[in-house]
Amino acid sequence: MHMGLPVIVFHRAARNERPAGVVRSWTIILAGVTAVLLLASRAAFAQTDNFDDNNDVGWTRYDPIGSHPQIPDQATFTVANGAYRIQTAASPLPDTVGPARAGAIRTDVNYTDFYATVDLVDWDETLQQSVGILARIKEPGLGMTDGYVMTYNFRGQDIDITRFTDEDPSGGNLALSGEDNLILEKGKKYRLVFWGKGTELGARVYDLANLDTPLVDCVGSDSTYPNGFCGLLVYDNSSAATMRTDATFDNYFAVTEEPPKLQIVDLGFGLLNIQWPGKAANFKLESTETMPAGTWTPVNENFVEYFPELDKFIYQFDGSVGNQFFRLKKP
């Protein structure tokens, strides 16, 4: 399972074509008013885990080499301090069972279209490993796993989207890297995004300190696997396949479609605009004055206006009245 060679042809979107990055919740302070913008969607079609409960209940641990009857467990899964650390020992038989690799899969939702994100919060910088997000996974197991993975390759310092069959990349060197000069700095945190809509697949990476502008934004297409599970992966991408792996994740989030992004604009004189894209016409804006919220109240739609020239919905309100919390809710 040496995935150094990606297998999906894709191009980097032009800067003015880049869709905005998802922000599930954030706090913005404007004109002395705190507005927390949240997104809510149908729970049956979403998965989230911030690991604050310090367990990985709901995850299926994926240790393919350790599942071999003659090889002990290779992977270690640790949930501590609100983050999920996945480690493996070096492969004992790289020529036979491949390089070290492990992951965790959410098997409670089978996705066709998907939008999955996770924060990469720590890693061992001495290792030539690749880490990232699995999608459309089928038959997970030693020599059996099919699907796709979006990874950051610490060895090549690039983003790859890889299709694999029976745990091996299929099709040979048929793809281009999304970004060959992306250096992730130790001590910083990054958000990885992997999405699929029909045959189209895409990858983004954000510095967690700036979720508005992606460091990388790549798109491509492949039709081999139409559906499956999502999850996380680490694997040894060293040339000799003799290294271990070690990466820590946080704030996993997966839904069937990319959530719309709420924006807040300060108009001055205490007036604020809440904006969201026109494609989110099936979402409704709700508000509350306290968090955690006991109830959310739909805003008066008479004050929500669609501006076709901007392709945005806009709700204007008086920000001087105190704290207001907003979310988009999909019925």
C-alpha atoms as a PDB file:
ATOM      1  CA  MET A   1       0.000   0.000   0.000  1.00  0.00           C
ATOM      2  CA  HIS A   2       2.671   2.498  -0.963  1.00  0.00           C
ATOM      3  CA  MET A   3       0.579   5.458  -2.065  1.00  0.00           C
ATOM      4  CA  GLY A   4       3.364   7.786  -3.126  1.00  0.00           C
ATOM      5  CA  LEU A   5       1.853   7.788  -6.625  1.00  0.00           C
ATOM      6  CA  PRO A   6      -1.596   9.406  -6.760  1.00  0.00           C
ATOM      7  CA  VAL A   7      -4.087   8.095  -9.262  1.00  0.00           C
ATOM      8  CA  ILE A   8      -6.637  10.797 -10.034  1.00  0.00           C
ATOM      9  CA  VAL A   9      -6.013  13.576 -12.506  1.00  0.00           C
ATOM     10  CA  PHE A  10      -7.081  16.945 -11.183  1.00  0.00           C
ATOM     11  CA  HIS A  11      -6.236  20.623 -11.482  1.00  0.00           C
ATOM     12  CA  ARG A  12      -5.801  23.410  -9.002  1.00  0.00           C
ATOM     13  CA  ALA A  13      -8.713  25.821  -9.082  1.00  0.00           C
ATOM     14  CA  ALA A  14      -7.916  29.392  -9.983  1.00  0.00           C
ATOM     15  CA  ARG A  15      -7.906  31.705  -6.993  1.00  0.00           C
ATOM     16  CA  ASN A  16     -11.075  33.464  -8.046  1.00  0.00           C
ATOM     17  CA  GLU A  17     -12.778  30.097  -8.440  1.00  0.00           C
ATOM     18  CA  ARG A  18     -11.963  28.848  -4.968  1.00  0.00           C
ATOM     19  CA  PRO A  19     -15.024  28.151  -2.866  1.00  0.00           C
ATOM     20  CA  ALA A  20     -14.872  29.423   0.686  1.00  0.00           C
ATOM     21  CA  GLY A  21     -13.788  26.987   3.370  1.00  0.00           C
ATOM     22  CA  VAL A  22     -16.349  25.516   5.703  1.00  0.00           C
ATOM     23  CA  VAL A  23     -16.602  27.025   9.161  1.00  0.00           C
ATOM     24  CA  ARG A  24     -18.878  25.019  11.416  1.00  0.00           C
ATOM     25  CA  SER A  25     -18.615  27.415  14.326  1.00  0.00           C
ATOM     26  CA  TRP A  26     -16.579  30.454  15.089  1.00  0.00           C
ATOM     27  CA  THR A  27     -16.705  33.662  17.065  1.00  0.00           C
ATOM     28  CA  ILE A  28     -16.379  37.121  15.550  1.00  0.00           C
ATOM     29  CA  ILE A  29     -16.304  40.310  17.592  1.00  0.00           C
ATOM     30  CA  LEU A  30     -17.550  43.391  15.773  1.00  0.00           C
ATOM     31  CA  ALA A  31     -18.482  46.748  17.229  1.00  0.00           C
ATOM     32  CA  GLY A  32     -18.515  45.277  20.717  1.00  0.00           C
ATOM     33  CA  VAL A  33     -21.039  42.599  19.729  1.00  0.00           C
ATOM     34  CA  THR A  34     -20.207  38.922  19.835  1.00  0.00           C
ATOM     35  CA  ALA A  35     -21.933  36.880  17.154  1.00  0.00           C
ATOM     36  CA  VAL A  36     -21.401  33.144  17.115  1.00  0.00           C
ATOM     37  CA  LEU A  37     -22.305  31.645  13.770  1.00  0.00           C
ATOM     38  CA  LEU A  38     -23.260  27.986  13.806  1.00  0.00           C
ATOM     39  CA  LEU A  39     -24.404  25.504  11.217  1.00  0.00           C
ATOM     40  CA  ALA A  40     -26.918  22.789  11.941  1.00  0.00           C
ATOM     41  CA  SER A  41     -27.912  20.003   9.575  1.00  0.00           C
ATOM     42  CA  ARG A  42     -29.838  16.783   9.817  1.00  0.00           C
ATOM     43  CA  ALA A  43     -28.085  14.660  12.438  1.00  0.00           C
ATOM     44  CA  ALA A  44     -28.887  11.446  10.607  1.00  0.00           C
ATOM     45  CA  PHE A  45     -26.670  12.575   7.760  1.00  0.00           C
ATOM     46  CA  ALA A  46     -23.825  14.062   9.777  1.00  0.00           C
ATOM     47  CA  GLN A  47     -21.039  12.785  11.972  1.00  0.00           C
ATOM     48  CA  THR A  48     -18.989  14.879  14.377  1.00  0.00           C
ATOM     49  CA  ASP A  49     -16.405  14.076  17.019  1.00  0.00           C
ATOM     50  CA  ASN A  50     -14.282  16.610  18.899  1.00  0.00           C
ATOM     51  CA  PHE A  51     -12.887  13.825  21.128  1.00  0.00           C
ATOM     52  CA  ASP A  52     -13.571  15.871  24.244  1.00  0.00           C
ATOM     53  CA  ASP A  53     -15.051  12.732  25.806  1.00  0.00           C
ATOM     54  CA  ASN A  54     -11.578  11.143  25.534  1.00  0.00           C
ATOM     55  CA  ASN A  55     -12.795   7.999  23.814  1.00  0.00           C
ATOM     56  CA  ASP A  56     -13.235   6.772  20.253  1.00  0.00           C
ATOM     57  CA  VAL A  57     -16.687   5.241  20.643  1.00  0.00           C
ATOM     58  CA  GLY A  58     -18.315   5.134  17.204  1.00  0.00           C
ATOM     59  CA  TRP A  59     -15.048   4.536  15.395  1.00  0.00           C
ATOM     60  CA  THR A  60     -13.917   1.209  13.924  1.00  0.00           C
ATOM     61  CA  ARG A  61     -10.188   0.870  14.436  1.00  0.00           C
ATOM     62  CA  TYR A  62      -8.328  -0.097  11.295  1.00  0.00           C
ATOM     63  CA  ASP A  63      -5.077  -2.044  11.867  1.00  0.00           C
ATOM     64  CA  PRO A  64      -4.705  -4.180   8.728  1.00  0.00           C
ATOM     65  CA  ILE A  65      -1.196  -5.472   9.413  1.00  0.00           C
ATOM     66  CA  GLY A  66      -2.083  -6.249  13.025  1.00  0.00           C
ATOM     67  CA  SER A  67      -5.064  -8.262  11.815  1.00  0.00           C
ATOM     68  CA  HIS A  68      -2.721 -10.818  10.242  1.00  0.00           C
ATOM     69  CA  PRO A  69      -2.952 -14.021  12.330  1.00  0.00           C
ATOM     70  CA  GLN A  70       0.835 -14.266  12.720  1.00  0.00           C
ATOM     71  CA  ILE A  71       1.512 -10.576  13.471  1.00  0.00           C
ATOM     72  CA  PRO A  72       0.669  -8.806  16.756  1.00  0.00           C
ATOM     73  CA  ASP A  73      -1.234  -5.526  16.838  1.00  0.00           C
ATOM     74  CA  GLN A  74       0.727  -2.765  15.144  1.00  0.00           C
ATOM     75  CA  ALA A  75      -1.475   0.269  15.807  1.00  0.00           C
ATOM     76  CA  THR A  76      -2.045   2.279  18.974  1.00  0.00           C
ATOM     77  CA  PHE A  77      -5.132   4.477  19.342  1.00  0.00           C
ATOM     78  CA  THR A  78      -5.029   7.110  22.079  1.00  0.00           C
ATOM     79  CA  VAL A  79      -7.713   9.682  22.897  1.00  0.00           C
ATOM     80  CA  ALA A  80      -6.399  12.242  25.365  1.00  0.00           C
ATOM     81  CA  ASN A  81      -6.671  15.975  25.961  1.00  0.00           C
ATOM     82  CA  GLY A  82      -9.519  16.124  23.467  1.00  0.00           C
ATOM     83  CA  ALA A  83      -7.582  14.757  20.479  1.00  0.00           C
ATOM     84  CA  TYR A  84      -7.172  11.417  18.664  1.00  0.00           C
ATOM     85  CA  ARG A  85      -3.659  10.062  18.196  1.00  0.00           C
ATOM     86  CA  ILE A  86      -3.015   7.161  15.810  1.00  0.00           C
ATOM     87  CA  GLN A  87       0.403   5.485  15.831  1.00  0.00           C
ATOM     88  CA  THR A  88       1.916   2.351  14.346  1.00  0.00           C
ATOM     89  CA  ALA A  89       5.136   0.446  14.737  1.00  0.00           C
ATOM     90  CA  ALA A  90       7.291  -0.024  11.652  1.00  0.00           C
ATOM     91  CA  SER A  91       6.039  -2.773   9.365  1.00  0.00           C
ATOM     92  CA  PRO A  92       7.593  -6.109  10.387  1.00  0.00           C
ATOM     93  CA  LEU A  93       7.391  -7.463   6.821  1.00  0.00           C
ATOM     94  CA  PRO A  94       7.130  -4.601   4.328  1.00  0.00           C
ATOM     95  CA  ASP A  95       7.735  -6.880   1.328  1.00  0.00           C
ATOM     96  CA  THR A  96       4.880  -9.128   2.449  1.00  0.00           C
ATOM     97  CA  VAL A  97       2.259  -6.968   4.159  1.00  0.00           C
ATOM     98  CA  GLY A  98       3.324  -3.529   2.953  1.00  0.00           C
ATOM     99  CA  PRO A  99       4.325  -0.389   4.884  1.00  0.00           C
ATOM    100  CA  ALA A 100       3.002   0.548   8.312  1.00  0.00           C
ATOM    101  CA  ARG A 101      -0.534   1.941   8.193  1.00  0.00           C
ATOM    102  CA  ALA A 102      -3.580   2.339  10.374  1.00  0.00           C
ATOM    103  CA  GLY A 103      -6.724   4.376  10.657  1.00  0.00           C
ATOM    104  CA  ALA A 104     -10.176   4.730  12.100  1.00  0.00           C
ATOM    105  CA  ILE A 105     -13.416   4.472  10.113  1.00  0.00           C
ATOM    106  CA  ARG A 106     -16.964   5.641  10.802  1.00  0.00           C
ATOM    107  CA  THR A 107     -19.141   2.786   9.563  1.00  0.00           C
ATOM    108  CA  ASP A 108     -22.439   4.266  10.781  1.00  0.00           C
ATOM    109  CA  VAL A 109     -23.033   6.273   7.582  1.00  0.00           C
ATOM    110  CA  ASN A 110     -22.491   5.055   4.025  1.00  0.00           C
ATOM    111  CA  TYR A 111     -21.844   8.171   1.928  1.00  0.00           C
ATOM    112  CA  THR A 112     -22.327   8.710  -1.776  1.00  0.00           C
ATOM    113  CA  ASP A 113     -21.693  12.461  -1.870  1.00  0.00           C
ATOM    114  CA  PHE A 114     -19.552  13.443   1.092  1.00  0.00           C
ATOM    115  CA  TYR A 115     -17.843  16.418   2.709  1.00  0.00           C
ATOM    116  CA  ALA A 116     -15.372  15.415   5.442  1.00  0.00           C
ATOM    117  CA  THR A 117     -12.999  17.580   7.463  1.00  0.00           C
ATOM    118  CA  VAL A 118     -10.550  17.009  10.295  1.00  0.00           C
ATOM    119  CA  ASP A 119      -7.940  19.103  12.055  1.00  0.00           C
ATOM    120  CA  LEU A 120      -4.352  17.865  11.986  1.00  0.00           C
ATOM    121  CA  VAL A 121      -3.039  19.152  15.303  1.00  0.00           C
ATOM    122  CA  ASP A 122       0.242  17.287  15.865  1.00  0.00           C
ATOM    123  CA  TRP A 123       2.619  14.813  14.256  1.00  0.00           C
ATOM    124  CA  ASP A 124       6.131  13.385  14.513  1.00  0.00           C
ATOM    125  CA  GLU A 125       8.122  15.589  12.151  1.00  0.00           C
ATOM    126  CA  THR A 126      10.955  13.032  11.880  1.00  0.00           C
ATOM    127  CA  LEU A 127       8.759  10.563   9.967  1.00  0.00           C
ATOM    128  CA  GLN A 128       8.195  10.308   6.219  1.00  0.00           C
ATOM    129  CA  GLN A 129       4.512   9.591   6.629  1.00  0.00           C
ATOM    130  CA  SER A 130       1.276  10.538   4.927  1.00  0.00           C
ATOM    131  CA  VAL A 131      -1.880  11.406   6.869  1.00  0.00           C
ATOM    132  CA  GLY A 132      -5.402  12.273   5.869  1.00  0.00           C
ATOM    133  CA  ILE A 133      -9.052  11.416   5.253  1.00  0.00           C
ATOM    134  CA  LEU A 134     -10.544   8.198   3.870  1.00  0.00           C
ATOM    135  CA  ALA A 135     -13.736   8.227   1.800  1.00  0.00           C
ATOM    136  CA  ARG A 136     -16.050   5.769   0.037  1.00  0.00           C
ATOM    137  CA  ILE A 137     -14.328   2.914   1.824  1.00  0.00           C
ATOM    138  CA  LYS A 138     -15.495  -0.647   1.228  1.00  0.00           C
ATOM    139  CA  GLU A 139     -14.365  -3.985   2.687  1.00  0.00           C
ATOM    140  CA  PRO A 140     -11.751  -2.569   5.083  1.00  0.00           C
ATOM    141  CA  GLY A 141      -9.139  -5.192   5.896  1.00  0.00           C
ATOM    142  CA  LEU A 142      -5.684  -6.523   5.083  1.00  0.00           C
ATOM    143  CA  GLY A 143      -5.338  -6.687   1.309  1.00  0.00           C
ATOM    144  CA  MET A 144      -9.045  -5.884   0.859  1.00  0.00           C
ATOM    145  CA  THR A 145      -9.745  -2.165   1.342  1.00  0.00           C
ATOM    146  CA  ASP A 146     -11.186  -0.231  -1.616  1.00  0.00           C
ATOM    147  CA  GLY A 147     -11.833   3.499  -1.823  1.00  0.00           C
ATOM    148  CA  TYR A 148     -10.170   6.896  -1.853  1.00  0.00           C
ATOM    149  CA  VAL A 149      -7.881   8.831   0.446  1.00  0.00           C
ATOM    150  CA  MET A 150      -6.836  12.478   0.562  1.00  0.00           C
ATOM    151  CA  THR A 151      -3.436  12.808   2.248  1.00  0.00           C
ATOM    152  CA  TYR A 152      -0.696  15.228   3.064  1.00  0.00           C
ATOM    153  CA  ASN A 153       2.624  13.590   2.202  1.00  0.00           C
ATOM    154  CA  PHE A 154       5.354  14.777   4.574  1.00  0.00           C
ATOM    155  CA  ARG A 155       7.997  13.153   2.387  1.00  0.00           C
ATOM    156  CA  GLY A 156       6.982  14.959  -0.804  1.00  0.00           C
ATOM    157  CA  GLN A 157       5.376  17.957   0.933  1.00  0.00           C
ATOM    158  CA  ASP A 158       2.288  17.689  -1.241  1.00  0.00           C
ATOM    159  CA  ILE A 159      -1.400  16.851  -1.241  1.00  0.00           C
ATOM    160  CA  ASP A 160      -2.540  13.679  -3.008  1.00  0.00           C
ATOM    161  CA  ILE A 161      -5.887  12.143  -3.825  1.00  0.00           C
ATOM    162  CA  THR A 162      -5.433   8.409  -4.254  1.00  0.00           C
ATOM    163  CA  ARG A 163      -7.729   5.652  -5.437  1.00  0.00           C
ATOM    164  CA  PHE A 164      -6.820   2.225  -4.133  1.00  0.00           C
ATOM    165  CA  THR A 165      -8.118  -1.283  -4.722  1.00  0.00           C
ATOM    166  CA  ASP A 166      -7.381  -4.139  -2.303  1.00  0.00           C
ATOM    167  CA  GLU A 167      -5.184  -1.676  -0.376  1.00  0.00           C
ATOM    168  CA  ASP A 168      -2.986  -0.976  -3.417  1.00  0.00           C
ATOM    169  CA  PRO A 169      -3.038   2.101  -5.661  1.00  0.00           C
ATOM    170  CA  SER A 170      -4.620   1.124  -8.966  1.00  0.00           C
ATOM    171  CA  GLY A 171      -3.999   2.464 -12.421  1.00  0.00           C
ATOM    172  CA  GLY A 172      -0.344   3.403 -12.014  1.00  0.00           C
ATOM    173  CA  ASN A 173       0.981   6.938 -12.154  1.00  0.00           C
ATOM    174  CA  LEU A 174      -2.136   8.538 -13.625  1.00  0.00           C
ATOM    175  CA  ALA A 175      -2.480  11.583 -11.411  1.00  0.00           C
ATOM    176  CA  LEU A 176      -0.881  14.893 -10.569  1.00  0.00           C
ATOM    177  CA  SER A 177      -0.217  16.196  -7.100  1.00  0.00           C
ATOM    178  CA  GLY A 178      -2.423  19.017  -5.987  1.00  0.00           C
ATOM    179  CA  GLU A 179       0.454  21.001  -4.515  1.00  0.00           C
ATOM    180  CA  ASP A 180       4.128  20.061  -4.511  1.00  0.00           C
ATOM    181  CA  ASN A 181       5.400  22.790  -2.199  1.00  0.00           C
ATOM    182  CA  LEU A 182       3.086  22.782   0.784  1.00  0.00           C
ATOM    183  CA  ILE A 183       5.061  22.850   4.020  1.00  0.00           C
ATOM    184  CA  LEU A 184       3.093  22.211   7.202  1.00  0.00           C
ATOM    185  CA  GLU A 185       4.843  23.833  10.138  1.00  0.00           C
ATOM    186  CA  LYS A 186       5.243  21.949  13.372  1.00  0.00           C
ATOM    187  CA  GLY A 187       3.374  23.747  16.144  1.00  0.00           C
ATOM    188  CA  LYS A 188       0.624  24.998  13.820  1.00  0.00           C
ATOM    189  CA  LYS A 189      -2.730  23.330  13.273  1.00  0.00           C
ATOM    190  CA  TYR A 190      -4.323  22.643   9.908  1.00  0.00           C
ATOM    191  CA  ARG A 191      -7.743  21.707   8.614  1.00  0.00           C
ATOM    192  CA  LEU A 192      -7.886  18.978   5.969  1.00  0.00           C
ATOM    193  CA  VAL A 193     -10.953  18.830   3.723  1.00  0.00           C
ATOM    194  CA  PHE A 194     -11.931  15.995   1.377  1.00  0.00           C
ATOM    195  CA  TRP A 195     -15.157  16.154  -0.622  1.00  0.00           C
ATOM    196  CA  GLY A 196     -16.909  14.173  -3.314  1.00  0.00           C
ATOM    197  CA  LYS A 197     -19.954  14.990  -5.402  1.00  0.00           C
ATOM    198  CA  GLY A 198     -20.778  12.372  -7.983  1.00  0.00           C
ATOM    199  CA  THR A 199     -17.579  11.629  -9.872  1.00  0.00           C
ATOM    200  CA  GLU A 200     -15.950  14.895  -8.800  1.00  0.00           C
ATOM    201  CA  LEU A 201     -13.469  14.803  -5.908  1.00  0.00           C
ATOM    202  CA  GLY A 202     -11.633  17.642  -4.203  1.00  0.00           C
ATOM    203  CA  ALA A 203      -9.104  18.425  -1.506  1.00  0.00           C
ATOM    204  CA  ARG A 204      -8.346  21.554   0.492  1.00  0.00           C
ATOM    205  CA  VAL A 205      -5.976  22.470   3.294  1.00  0.00           C
ATOM    206  CA  TYR A 206      -6.358  25.482   5.591  1.00  0.00           C
ATOM    207  CA  ASP A 207      -4.209  26.987   8.263  1.00  0.00           C
ATOM    208  CA  LEU A 208      -6.576  26.745  11.218  1.00  0.00           C
ATOM    209  CA  ALA A 209      -5.838  30.387  11.976  1.00  0.00           C
ATOM    210  CA  ASN A 210      -7.373  31.380   8.606  1.00  0.00           C
ATOM    211  CA  LEU A 211     -10.364  29.345   7.491  1.00  0.00           C
ATOM    212  CA  ASP A 212     -11.282  31.802   4.746  1.00  0.00           C
ATOM    213  CA  THR A 213      -8.409  31.158   2.316  1.00  0.00           C
ATOM    214  CA  PRO A 214      -7.204  27.616   1.562  1.00  0.00           C
ATOM    215  CA  LEU A 215      -3.504  26.917   1.209  1.00  0.00           C
ATOM    216  CA  VAL A 216      -4.413  24.285  -1.390  1.00  0.00           C
ATOM    217  CA  ASP A 217      -7.604  23.754  -3.397  1.00  0.00           C
ATOM    218  CA  CYS A 218      -7.641  20.888  -5.922  1.00  0.00           C
ATOM    219  CA  VAL A 219     -10.382  19.141  -7.873  1.00  0.00           C
ATOM    220  CA  GLY A 220     -10.534  16.076 -10.086  1.00  0.00           C
ATOM    221  CA  SER A 221     -12.758  13.163 -11.043  1.00  0.00           C
ATOM    222  CA  ASP A 222     -13.024   9.394 -10.830  1.00  0.00           C
ATOM    223  CA  SER A 223     -16.013   7.049 -11.025  1.00  0.00           C
ATOM    224  CA  THR A 224     -14.621   3.777  -9.684  1.00  0.00           C
ATOM    225  CA  TYR A 225     -16.193   3.863  -6.217  1.00  0.00           C
ATOM    226  CA  PRO A 226     -19.592   5.573  -5.889  1.00  0.00           C
ATOM    227  CA  ASN A 227     -20.143   5.169  -2.136  1.00  0.00           C
ATOM    228  CA  GLY A 228     -18.705   3.940   1.157  1.00  0.00           C
ATOM    229  CA  PHE A 229     -17.486   4.960   4.609  1.00  0.00           C
ATOM    230  CA  CYS A 230     -15.326   7.903   5.695  1.00  0.00           C
ATOM    231  CA  GLY A 231     -12.514   7.975   8.235  1.00  0.00           C
ATOM    232  CA  LEU A 232      -8.884   8.754   9.021  1.00  0.00           C
ATOM    233  CA  LEU A 233      -5.582   7.242   7.871  1.00  0.00           C
ATOM    234  CA  VAL A 234      -1.868   7.356   8.637  1.00  0.00           C
ATOM    235  CA  TYR A 235       0.716   5.374   6.671  1.00  0.00           C
ATOM    236  CA  ASP A 236       4.432   5.101   6.195  1.00  0.00           C
ATOM    237  CA  ASN A 237       5.454   6.727   2.924  1.00  0.00           C
ATOM    238  CA  SER A 238       9.218   6.264   3.287  1.00  0.00           C
ATOM    239  CA  SER A 239      11.041   4.868   0.267  1.00  0.00           C
ATOM    240  CA  ALA A 240      12.020   1.674   2.100  1.00  0.00           C
ATOM    241  CA  ALA A 241       8.663   1.350   3.913  1.00  0.00           C
ATOM    242  CA  THR A 242      10.478   0.793   7.198  1.00  0.00           C
ATOM    243  CA  MET A 243       9.266   3.724   9.310  1.00  0.00           C
ATOM    244  CA  ARG A 244       6.536   3.983  11.925  1.00  0.00           C
ATOM    245  CA  THR A 245       3.669   6.509  11.868  1.00  0.00           C
ATOM    246  CA  ASP A 246       2.361   9.037  14.389  1.00  0.00           C
ATOM    247  CA  ALA A 247      -0.278  11.768  13.899  1.00  0.00           C
ATOM    248  CA  THR A 248      -2.939  13.435  16.047  1.00  0.00           C
ATOM    249  CA  PHE A 249      -6.360  14.608  14.855  1.00  0.00           C
ATOM    250  CA  ASP A 250      -9.224  16.684  16.246  1.00  0.00           C
ATOM    251  CA  ASN A 251     -12.671  18.013  15.267  1.00  0.00           C
ATOM    252  CA  TYR A 252     -13.784  15.382  12.775  1.00  0.00           C
ATOM    253  CA  PHE A 253     -16.862  16.389  10.781  1.00  0.00           C
ATOM    254  CA  ALA A 254     -18.640  14.653   7.887  1.00  0.00           C
ATOM    255  CA  VAL A 255     -21.890  15.368   6.026  1.00  0.00           C
ATOM    256  CA  THR A 256     -23.380  14.564   2.645  1.00  0.00           C
ATOM    257  CA  GLU A 257     -22.843  18.033   1.196  1.00  0.00           C
ATOM    258  CA  GLU A 258     -20.652  21.041   1.860  1.00  0.00           C
ATOM    259  CA  PRO A 259     -22.350  23.243   4.453  1.00  0.00           C
ATOM    260  CA  PRO A 260     -22.975  26.861   3.463  1.00  0.00           C
ATOM    261  CA  LYS A 261     -20.861  29.469   5.153  1.00  0.00           C
ATOM    262  CA  LEU A 262     -22.319  32.278   7.218  1.00  0.00           C
ATOM    263  CA  GLN A 263     -20.571  35.635   7.033  1.00  0.00           C
ATOM    264  CA  ILE A 264     -21.000  38.697   9.207  1.00  0.00           C
ATOM    265  CA  VAL A 265     -20.428  42.202   7.841  1.00  0.00           C
ATOM    266  CA  ASP A 266     -20.176  45.326   9.992  1.00  0.00           C
ATOM    267  CA  LEU A 267     -22.076  48.162   8.297  1.00  0.00           C
ATOM    268  CA  GLY A 268     -21.239  50.695  10.983  1.00  0.00           C
ATOM    269  CA  PHE A 269     -23.557  52.538  13.365  1.00  0.00           C
ATOM    270  CA  GLY A 270     -24.346  49.244  15.081  1.00  0.00           C
ATOM    271  CA  LEU A 271     -25.853  47.623  11.983  1.00  0.00           C
ATOM    272  CA  LEU A 272     -24.702  44.134  11.012  1.00  0.00           C
ATOM    273  CA  ASN A 273     -25.446  41.916   8.043  1.00  0.00           C
ATOM    274  CA  ILE A 274     -25.607  38.137   8.189  1.00  0.00           C
ATOM    275  CA  GLN A 275     -24.983  36.705   4.719  1.00  0.00           C
ATOM    276  CA  TRP A 276     -25.039  33.218   3.205  1.00  0.00           C
ATOM    277  CA  PRO A 277     -24.823  31.893  -0.357  1.00  0.00           C
ATOM    278  CA  GLY A 278     -27.787  31.648  -2.673  1.00  0.00           C
ATOM    279  CA  LYS A 279     -27.254  27.913  -3.175  1.00  0.00           C
ATOM    280  CA  ALA A 280     -28.374  27.470   0.457  1.00  0.00           C
ATOM    281  CA  ALA A 281     -31.959  28.472  -0.245  1.00  0.00           C
ATOM    282  CA  ASN A 282     -33.153  25.315   1.507  1.00  0.00           C
ATOM    283  CA  PHE A 283     -31.518  26.425   4.786  1.00  0.00           C
ATOM    284  CA  LYS A 284     -33.279  28.670   7.287  1.00  0.00           C
ATOM    285  CA  LEU A 285     -31.628  31.247   9.563  1.00  0.00           C
ATOM    286  CA  GLU A 286     -32.312  30.918  13.271  1.00  0.00           C
ATOM    287  CA  SER A 287     -31.151  32.925  16.273  1.00  0.00           C
ATOM    288  CA  THR A 288     -30.927  32.795  20.049  1.00  0.00           C
ATOM    289  CA  GLU A 289     -29.698  35.163  22.750  1.00  0.00           C
ATOM    290  CA  THR A 290     -27.970  32.595  24.975  1.00  0.00           C
ATOM    291  CA  MET A 291     -25.550  29.718  24.559  1.00  0.00           C
ATOM    292  CA  PRO A 292     -25.947  26.874  25.118  1.00  0.00           C
ATOM    293  CA  ALA A 293     -29.294  27.510  23.493  1.00  0.00           C
ATOM    294  CA  GLY A 294     -32.481  26.140  24.963  1.00  0.00           C
ATOM    295  CA  THR A 295     -34.424  27.048  21.850  1.00  0.00           C
ATOM    296  CA  TRP A 296     -33.632  28.545  18.460  1.00  0.00           C
ATOM    297  CA  THR A 297     -36.075  30.989  16.896  1.00  0.00           C
ATOM    298  CA  PRO A 298     -36.446  31.371  13.107  1.00  0.00           C
ATOM    299  CA  VAL A 299     -35.707  34.953  12.083  1.00  0.00           C
ATOM    300  CA  ASN A 300     -38.514  36.901  10.439  1.00  0.00           C
ATOM    301  CA  GLU A 301     -38.189  36.007   6.766  1.00  0.00           C
ATOM    302  CA  ASN A 302     -39.688  39.363   5.828  1.00  0.00           C
ATOM    303  CA  PHE A 303     -36.285  40.799   6.771  1.00  0.00           C
ATOM    304  CA  VAL A 304     -34.313  38.249   4.751  1.00  0.00           C
ATOM    305  CA  GLU A 305     -33.635  39.432   1.214  1.00  0.00           C
ATOM    306  CA  TYR A 306     -32.032  37.658  -1.719  1.00  0.00           C
ATOM    307  CA  PHE A 307     -29.656  39.728  -3.868  1.00  0.00           C
ATOM    308  CA  PRO A 308     -29.237  38.006  -7.271  1.00  0.00           C
ATOM    309  CA  GLU A 309     -26.285  40.183  -8.281  1.00  0.00           C
ATOM    310  CA  LEU A 310     -24.392  38.843  -5.256  1.00  0.00           C
ATOM    311  CA  ASP A 311     -26.114  35.446  -5.206  1.00  0.00           C
ATOM    312  CA  LYS A 312     -26.507  35.887  -1.456  1.00  0.00           C
ATOM    313  CA  PHE A 313     -29.193  36.011   1.168  1.00  0.00           C
ATOM    314  CA  ILE A 314     -28.798  38.906   3.609  1.00  0.00           C
ATOM    315  CA  TYR A 315     -30.375  39.491   6.990  1.00  0.00           C
ATOM    316  CA  GLN A 316     -29.733  42.884   8.589  1.00  0.00           C
ATOM    317  CA  PHE A 317     -30.075  43.479  12.320  1.00  0.00           C
ATOM    318  CA  ASP A 318     -29.197  45.967  15.026  1.00  0.00           C
ATOM    319  CA  GLY A 319     -26.027  44.697  16.665  1.00  0.00           C
ATOM    320  CA  SER A 320     -26.253  47.154  19.532  1.00  0.00           C
ATOM    321  CA  VAL A 321     -28.941  45.154  21.327  1.00  0.00           C
ATOM    322  CA  GLY A 322     -26.460  42.648  22.780  1.00  0.00           C
ATOM    323  CA  ASN A 323     -25.247  39.156  22.035  1.00  0.00           C
ATOM    324  CA  GLN A 324     -26.914  37.376  19.147  1.00  0.00           C
ATOM    325  CA  PHE A 325     -26.164  33.817  18.061  1.00  0.00           C
ATOM    326  CA  PHE A 326     -27.093  32.604  14.593  1.00  0.00           C
ATOM    327  CA  ARG A 327     -27.195  29.290  12.786  1.00  0.00           C
ATOM    328  CA  LEU A 328     -28.380  27.891   9.471  1.00  0.00           C
ATOM    329  CA  LYS A 329     -30.776  25.000   9.884  1.00  0.00           C
ATOM    330  CA  LYS A 330     -31.701  22.545   7.181  1.00  0.00           C
ATOM    331  CA  PRO A 331     -35.230  21.206   7.766  1.00  0.00           C
END
